[in-house]
Amino acid sequence: MANIKKGDLVQVISGAKPERGGDRGKQGKVLEVLVEQNRVIVEGVNYVTKHTRVGQTDRGTKTGGIETVEAPIHISNVALVDPSTKKPTRVGHRVEEKVKDGVKRTVRVRYAKKSGKDL
């Protein structure tokens, strides 16, 4: 079971501080998880400028230019945010039994561990 999923609130725990132009300490929502590369794309974090080639659509409008997009960041550099304390925390899994339509099933559920101090 994955620790970080699409839609989770995460915080960047490594890299340069904001005073030096970095993203450490920023929180954002996970837009996409790239499982093969062990990377995540976080909203508002790790912006890069991307140059796209100028082209034309069917209607004749020009496309392309310089745009800023979020680049992937390694999954080890982010931590899940505990919803109650709003601090980064570690993730645990516990096994629960669910009864659905009279059938018992065992499922693993993610939960945020205690976040004693900032990571």
C-alpha atoms as a PDB file:
ATOM      1  CA  MET A   1       0.000   0.000   0.000  1.00  0.00           C
ATOM      2  CA  ALA A   2       1.361   3.400  -0.947  1.00  0.00           C
ATOM      3  CA  ASN A   3       2.176   5.964   1.722  1.00  0.00           C
ATOM      4  CA  ILE A   4       1.325   8.965  -0.440  1.00  0.00           C
ATOM      5  CA  LYS A   5      -1.624   9.073  -2.815  1.00  0.00           C
ATOM      6  CA  LYS A   6      -3.155  11.586  -5.203  1.00  0.00           C
ATOM      7  CA  GLY A   7      -5.056  14.270  -3.302  1.00  0.00           C
ATOM      8  CA  ASP A   8      -3.042  13.985  -0.064  1.00  0.00           C
ATOM      9  CA  LEU A   9      -1.745  17.080   1.695  1.00  0.00           C
ATOM     10  CA  VAL A  10       2.051  16.862   1.950  1.00  0.00           C
ATOM     11  CA  GLN A  11       4.900  19.070   3.146  1.00  0.00           C
ATOM     12  CA  VAL A  12       8.372  19.373   1.615  1.00  0.00           C
ATOM     13  CA  ILE A  13      10.890  18.290   4.259  1.00  0.00           C
ATOM     14  CA  SER A  14      14.202  18.712   2.417  1.00  0.00           C
ATOM     15  CA  GLY A  15      15.906  21.084   0.032  1.00  0.00           C
ATOM     16  CA  ALA A  16      16.690  24.769   0.207  1.00  0.00           C
ATOM     17  CA  LYS A  17      14.864  27.060   2.618  1.00  0.00           C
ATOM     18  CA  PRO A  18      12.455  29.670   1.202  1.00  0.00           C
ATOM     19  CA  GLU A  19      14.956  32.451   2.010  1.00  0.00           C
ATOM     20  CA  ARG A  20      17.317  30.864  -0.501  1.00  0.00           C
ATOM     21  CA  GLY A  21      14.631  30.333  -3.118  1.00  0.00           C
ATOM     22  CA  GLY A  22      13.720  26.777  -2.146  1.00  0.00           C
ATOM     23  CA  ASP A  23      10.507  25.013  -1.240  1.00  0.00           C
ATOM     24  CA  ARG A  24      11.282  23.435   2.164  1.00  0.00           C
ATOM     25  CA  GLY A  25       8.355  23.802   4.545  1.00  0.00           C
ATOM     26  CA  LYS A  26       5.770  24.429   1.834  1.00  0.00           C
ATOM     27  CA  GLN A  27       2.567  22.410   1.918  1.00  0.00           C
ATOM     28  CA  GLY A  28       0.502  21.411  -1.091  1.00  0.00           C
ATOM     29  CA  LYS A  29      -1.857  18.859  -2.527  1.00  0.00           C
ATOM     30  CA  VAL A  30      -0.485  15.913  -4.531  1.00  0.00           C
ATOM     31  CA  LEU A  31      -1.572  16.296  -8.153  1.00  0.00           C
ATOM     32  CA  GLU A  32       0.031  13.133  -9.508  1.00  0.00           C
ATOM     33  CA  VAL A  33       2.105  10.174  -8.288  1.00  0.00           C
ATOM     34  CA  LEU A  34       4.729   8.801 -10.692  1.00  0.00           C
ATOM     35  CA  VAL A  35       5.151   5.299  -9.258  1.00  0.00           C
ATOM     36  CA  GLU A  36       7.877   4.041 -11.620  1.00  0.00           C
ATOM     37  CA  GLN A  37      10.114   7.032 -10.892  1.00  0.00           C
ATOM     38  CA  ASN A  38       9.259   7.341  -7.151  1.00  0.00           C
ATOM     39  CA  ARG A  39       8.241  10.962  -7.660  1.00  0.00           C
ATOM     40  CA  VAL A  40       5.216  13.136  -6.942  1.00  0.00           C
ATOM     41  CA  ILE A  41       3.942  16.385  -8.429  1.00  0.00           C
ATOM     42  CA  VAL A  42       2.832  18.767  -5.686  1.00  0.00           C
ATOM     43  CA  GLU A  43       0.631  21.806  -6.258  1.00  0.00           C
ATOM     44  CA  GLY A  44       2.595  25.057  -5.853  1.00  0.00           C
ATOM     45  CA  VAL A  45       5.976  23.374  -5.310  1.00  0.00           C
ATOM     46  CA  ASN A  46       9.060  23.057  -7.554  1.00  0.00           C
ATOM     47  CA  TYR A  47       8.018  25.439 -10.319  1.00  0.00           C
ATOM     48  CA  VAL A  48      10.060  25.359 -13.530  1.00  0.00           C
ATOM     49  CA  THR A  49       9.764  27.426 -16.705  1.00  0.00           C
ATOM     50  CA  LYS A  50       8.887  25.393 -19.753  1.00  0.00           C
ATOM     51  CA  HIS A  51       9.353  26.627 -23.311  1.00  0.00           C
ATOM     52  CA  THR A  52       6.782  25.240 -25.717  1.00  0.00           C
ATOM     53  CA  ARG A  53       7.042  25.477 -29.476  1.00  0.00           C
ATOM     54  CA  VAL A  54       4.754  27.964 -31.191  1.00  0.00           C
ATOM     55  CA  GLY A  55       2.040  26.300 -33.216  1.00  0.00           C
ATOM     56  CA  GLN A  56      -1.405  26.987 -34.592  1.00  0.00           C
ATOM     57  CA  THR A  57      -4.720  25.427 -33.720  1.00  0.00           C
ATOM     58  CA  ASP A  58      -7.486  24.727 -36.209  1.00  0.00           C
ATOM     59  CA  ARG A  59      -9.036  28.111 -35.489  1.00  0.00           C
ATOM     60  CA  GLY A  60      -5.816  29.936 -36.246  1.00  0.00           C
ATOM     61  CA  THR A  61      -4.874  30.977 -32.687  1.00  0.00           C
ATOM     62  CA  LYS A  62      -1.237  30.820 -31.700  1.00  0.00           C
ATOM     63  CA  THR A  63      -0.106  28.437 -28.993  1.00  0.00           C
ATOM     64  CA  GLY A  64       3.213  28.091 -27.225  1.00  0.00           C
ATOM     65  CA  GLY A  65       5.546  30.384 -25.386  1.00  0.00           C
ATOM     66  CA  ILE A  66       6.968  30.308 -21.865  1.00  0.00           C
ATOM     67  CA  GLU A  67       4.865  28.809 -19.094  1.00  0.00           C
ATOM     68  CA  THR A  68       5.556  27.780 -15.502  1.00  0.00           C
ATOM     69  CA  VAL A  69       4.596  24.265 -14.446  1.00  0.00           C
ATOM     70  CA  GLU A  70       5.178  22.064 -11.399  1.00  0.00           C
ATOM     71  CA  ALA A  71       8.014  19.576 -11.818  1.00  0.00           C
ATOM     72  CA  PRO A  72       8.196  16.210 -10.037  1.00  0.00           C
ATOM     73  CA  ILE A  73       9.908  15.957  -6.658  1.00  0.00           C
ATOM     74  CA  HIS A  74      11.257  12.754  -5.129  1.00  0.00           C
ATOM     75  CA  ILE A  75       8.817  11.007  -2.816  1.00  0.00           C
ATOM     76  CA  SER A  76      11.415  10.822  -0.015  1.00  0.00           C
ATOM     77  CA  ASN A  77      11.528  14.624   0.128  1.00  0.00           C
ATOM     78  CA  VAL A  78       7.872  14.989   1.149  1.00  0.00           C
ATOM     79  CA  ALA A  79       5.955  13.879   4.234  1.00  0.00           C
ATOM     80  CA  LEU A  80       2.245  13.385   4.735  1.00  0.00           C
ATOM     81  CA  VAL A  81       0.593  16.116   6.840  1.00  0.00           C
ATOM     82  CA  ASP A  82      -1.364  15.035   9.913  1.00  0.00           C
ATOM     83  CA  PRO A  83      -4.900  16.442   9.465  1.00  0.00           C
ATOM     84  CA  SER A  84      -5.332  17.238  13.168  1.00  0.00           C
ATOM     85  CA  THR A  85      -2.017  19.018  13.897  1.00  0.00           C
ATOM     86  CA  LYS A  86      -1.175  20.263  10.364  1.00  0.00           C
ATOM     87  CA  LYS A  87       2.416  19.043  10.873  1.00  0.00           C
ATOM     88  CA  PRO A  88       4.358  16.486   8.822  1.00  0.00           C
ATOM     89  CA  THR A  89       4.089  12.964  10.174  1.00  0.00           C
ATOM     90  CA  ARG A  90       4.914   9.373   9.383  1.00  0.00           C
ATOM     91  CA  VAL A  91       2.369   6.963   7.975  1.00  0.00           C
ATOM     92  CA  GLY A  92       1.276   3.679   9.512  1.00  0.00           C
ATOM     93  CA  HIS A  93      -0.992   0.894   8.315  1.00  0.00           C
ATOM     94  CA  ARG A  94      -3.426  -1.135  10.343  1.00  0.00           C
ATOM     95  CA  VAL A  95      -5.558  -4.100   9.398  1.00  0.00           C
ATOM     96  CA  GLU A  96      -9.300  -3.701   9.874  1.00  0.00           C
ATOM     97  CA  GLU A  97     -12.193  -5.986   9.162  1.00  0.00           C
ATOM     98  CA  LYS A  98     -15.054  -4.533   7.154  1.00  0.00           C
ATOM     99  CA  VAL A  99     -18.444  -6.116   6.727  1.00  0.00           C
ATOM    100  CA  LYS A 100     -19.964  -5.349   3.344  1.00  0.00           C
ATOM    101  CA  ASP A 101     -23.054  -7.150   2.108  1.00  0.00           C
ATOM    102  CA  GLY A 102     -22.641  -9.771   4.824  1.00  0.00           C
ATOM    103  CA  VAL A 103     -19.058 -10.587   3.765  1.00  0.00           C
ATOM    104  CA  LYS A 104     -16.105  -9.958   6.079  1.00  0.00           C
ATOM    105  CA  ARG A 105     -13.051  -8.483   4.422  1.00  0.00           C
ATOM    106  CA  THR A 106      -9.694  -7.510   5.856  1.00  0.00           C
ATOM    107  CA  VAL A 107      -8.388  -4.213   4.519  1.00  0.00           C
ATOM    108  CA  ARG A 108      -5.274  -2.189   5.249  1.00  0.00           C
ATOM    109  CA  VAL A 109      -5.966   1.401   6.237  1.00  0.00           C
ATOM    110  CA  ARG A 110      -3.485   4.305   6.327  1.00  0.00           C
ATOM    111  CA  TYR A 111      -3.308   6.470   9.429  1.00  0.00           C
ATOM    112  CA  ALA A 112      -1.105   9.346  10.545  1.00  0.00           C
ATOM    113  CA  LYS A 113       1.201   8.542  13.438  1.00  0.00           C
ATOM    114  CA  LYS A 114       1.791  11.033  16.235  1.00  0.00           C
ATOM    115  CA  SER A 115       3.712  14.070  14.989  1.00  0.00           C
ATOM    116  CA  GLY A 116       5.691  14.986  18.082  1.00  0.00           C
ATOM    117  CA  LYS A 117       8.014  17.557  16.568  1.00  0.00           C
ATOM    118  CA  ASP A 118       8.628  19.075  13.163  1.00  0.00           C
ATOM    119  CA  LEU A 119      10.508  16.905  10.707  1.00  0.00           C
END
